[in-house]
C-alpha atoms as a PDB file:
ATOM      1  CA  UNK A   1       1.321 -18.241  19.218  1.00  0.00           C
ATOM      2  CA  UNK A   2       0.696 -19.119  16.176  1.00  0.00           C
ATOM      3  CA  UNK A   3       2.901 -22.293  16.516  1.00  0.00           C
ATOM      4  CA  UNK A   4       0.851 -23.563  18.998  1.00  0.00           C
ATOM      5  CA  UNK A   5      -2.163 -22.881  17.208  1.00  0.00           C
ATOM      6  CA  UNK A   6      -1.748 -25.121  14.215  1.00  0.00           C
ATOM      7  CA  UNK A   7      -3.459 -25.737  11.118  1.00  0.00           C
ATOM      8  CA  UNK A   8      -6.359 -27.041  12.502  1.00  0.00           C
ATOM      9  CA  UNK A   9      -9.968 -24.332  13.220  1.00  0.00           C
ATOM     10  CA  UNK A  10      -9.752 -23.001  16.635  1.00  0.00           C
ATOM     11  CA  UNK A  11     -13.049 -22.146  18.821  1.00  0.00           C
ATOM     12  CA  UNK A  12     -13.023 -18.557  20.244  1.00  0.00           C
ATOM     13  CA  UNK A  13     -12.790 -20.274  23.943  1.00  0.00           C
ATOM     14  CA  UNK A  14      -9.702 -22.018  22.477  1.00  0.00           C
ATOM     15  CA  UNK A  15      -8.369 -18.997  21.345  1.00  0.00           C
ATOM     16  CA  UNK A  16      -8.918 -17.195  24.597  1.00  0.00           C
ATOM     17  CA  UNK A  17      -6.730 -19.642  26.554  1.00  0.00           C
ATOM     18  CA  UNK A  18      -3.770 -19.790  24.161  1.00  0.00           C
ATOM     19  CA  UNK A  19      -3.708 -16.408  23.470  1.00  0.00           C
ATOM     20  CA  UNK A  20      -4.203 -15.797  28.041  1.00  0.00           C
ATOM     21  CA  UNK A  21      -1.211 -19.297  27.858  1.00  0.00           C
ATOM     22  CA  UNK A  22       0.818 -16.677  25.793  1.00  0.00           C
ATOM     23  CA  UNK A  23       0.662 -14.048  27.391  1.00  0.00           C
ATOM     24  CA  UNK A  24       1.450 -15.389  30.869  1.00  0.00           C
ATOM     25  CA  UNK A  25       4.591 -17.174  28.565  1.00  0.00           C
ATOM     26  CA  UNK A  26       6.035 -13.339  28.015  1.00  0.00           C
ATOM     27  CA  UNK A  27       5.324 -12.102  31.735  1.00  0.00           C
ATOM     28  CA  UNK A  28       7.258 -14.808  32.776  1.00  0.00           C
ATOM     29  CA  UNK A  29      10.000 -14.641  30.555  1.00  0.00           C
ATOM     30  CA  UNK A  30       9.862 -10.405  30.716  1.00  0.00           C
ATOM     31  CA  UNK A  31       9.809 -11.159  34.253  1.00  0.00           C
ATOM     32  CA  UNK A  32      11.859 -14.533  35.462  1.00  0.00           C
ATOM     33  CA  UNK A  33      14.173 -15.277  32.557  1.00  0.00           C
ATOM     34  CA  UNK A  34      16.023 -11.867  31.497  1.00  0.00           C
ATOM     35  CA  UNK A  35      18.250 -10.069  32.853  1.00  0.00           C
ATOM     36  CA  UNK A  36      16.587  -7.361  35.151  1.00  0.00           C
ATOM     37  CA  UNK A  37      19.275  -4.969  32.721  1.00  0.00           C
ATOM     38  CA  UNK A  38      16.391  -6.437  29.563  1.00  0.00           C
ATOM     39  CA  UNK A  39      13.059  -6.220  31.220  1.00  0.00           C
ATOM     40  CA  UNK A  40      11.160  -3.435  30.128  1.00  0.00           C
ATOM     41  CA  UNK A  41      10.696  -1.542  33.218  1.00  0.00           C
ATOM     42  CA  UNK A  42       6.943  -1.490  33.137  1.00  0.00           C
ATOM     43  CA  UNK A  43       6.911  -2.223  37.296  1.00  0.00           C
ATOM     44  CA  UNK A  44       8.963   1.381  37.181  1.00  0.00           C
ATOM     45  CA  UNK A  45       6.393   2.509  35.541  1.00  0.00           C
ATOM     46  CA  UNK A  46       3.317   0.674  36.762  1.00  0.00           C
ATOM     47  CA  UNK A  47       1.378  -1.035  39.763  1.00  0.00           C
ATOM     48  CA  UNK A  48       0.979  -5.053  40.254  1.00  0.00           C
ATOM     49  CA  UNK A  49      -2.821  -4.514  39.174  1.00  0.00           C
ATOM     50  CA  UNK A  50      -1.371  -2.216  35.642  1.00  0.00           C
ATOM     51  CA  UNK A  51       0.442  -4.959  35.032  1.00  0.00           C
ATOM     52  CA  UNK A  52      -1.653  -7.593  35.465  1.00  0.00           C
ATOM     53  CA  UNK A  53      -4.095  -5.159  33.117  1.00  0.00           C
ATOM     54  CA  UNK A  54      -1.791  -4.356  30.601  1.00  0.00           C
ATOM     55  CA  UNK A  55      -0.430  -8.509  29.831  1.00  0.00           C
ATOM     56  CA  UNK A  56      -4.817  -8.697  30.067  1.00  0.00           C
ATOM     57  CA  UNK A  57      -5.296  -6.688  27.392  1.00  0.00           C
ATOM     58  CA  UNK A  58      -2.424  -8.125  25.770  1.00  0.00           C
ATOM     59  CA  UNK A  59      -4.326 -11.919  26.424  1.00  0.00           C
ATOM     60  CA  UNK A  60      -6.821 -10.186  24.567  1.00  0.00           C
ATOM     61  CA  UNK A  61      -5.365  -8.889  21.632  1.00  0.00           C
ATOM     62  CA  UNK A  62      -3.709 -12.139  20.859  1.00  0.00           C
ATOM     63  CA  UNK A  63      -7.165 -13.935  20.503  1.00  0.00           C
ATOM     64  CA  UNK A  64      -8.774 -11.200  18.916  1.00  0.00           C
ATOM     65  CA  UNK A  65      -5.638 -11.298  16.027  1.00  0.00           C
ATOM     66  CA  UNK A  66      -5.825 -14.853  15.820  1.00  0.00           C
ATOM     67  CA  UNK A  67      -9.294 -14.969  15.647  1.00  0.00           C
ATOM     68  CA  UNK A  68      -9.361 -12.592  12.738  1.00  0.00           C
ATOM     69  CA  UNK A  69      -6.070 -13.697  10.270  1.00  0.00           C
ATOM     70  CA  UNK A  70      -8.379 -17.049  10.503  1.00  0.00           C
ATOM     71  CA  UNK A  71     -11.763 -15.272   9.972  1.00  0.00           C
ATOM     72  CA  UNK A  72     -12.380 -15.877   5.597  1.00  0.00           C
ATOM     73  CA  UNK A  73     -12.805 -12.798   4.473  1.00  0.00           C
ATOM     74  CA  UNK A  74     -16.863 -11.889   3.791  1.00  0.00           C
ATOM     75  CA  UNK A  75     -17.648 -12.674  -0.186  1.00  0.00           C
ATOM     76  CA  UNK A  76     -17.940  -9.126  -1.719  1.00  0.00           C
ATOM     77  CA  UNK A  77     -20.861  -8.159  -4.014  1.00  0.00           C
ATOM     78  CA  UNK A  78     -19.985  -7.708  -7.238  1.00  0.00           C
ATOM     79  CA  UNK A  79     -22.584  -5.932  -9.590  1.00  0.00           C
ATOM     80  CA  UNK A  80     -22.737  -7.116 -13.229  1.00  0.00           C
ATOM     81  CA  UNK A  81     -22.223  -4.343 -14.751  1.00  0.00           C
ATOM     82  CA  UNK A  82     -23.097  -3.706 -19.042  1.00  0.00           C
ATOM     83  CA  UNK A  83     -20.918  -3.296 -20.832  1.00  0.00           C
ATOM     84  CA  UNK A  84     -21.807  -0.285 -23.585  1.00  0.00           C
ATOM     85  CA  UNK A  85     -21.540  -1.975 -26.899  1.00  0.00           C
END
C-alpha cells in the first residue's frame, strides 16, 4: 500500500479507496491465488458476511494507519524554565 501511495500527500477519501483496494487484493490472494491448504481458513469459522466485515475492517485499518503515518505530530508546547543562578 505504501508503494501505491507514493510520496504525494493524499486526502482521506484517496486513502480509503487505496485501503479498500489493498484489502480486496489481500482477499483475492488469500482465497483465489493461494492453494486452499495455505489460505487463512477464516471461511471455516466465519460466515461470508463476517468475512466481508473483517476485510472491511482491514481496509479501514489500512486507511487509518496510512493517515496516522502521514500526519505530522502536533508541535509540543515547550516551557522555558528559568535557570537558577
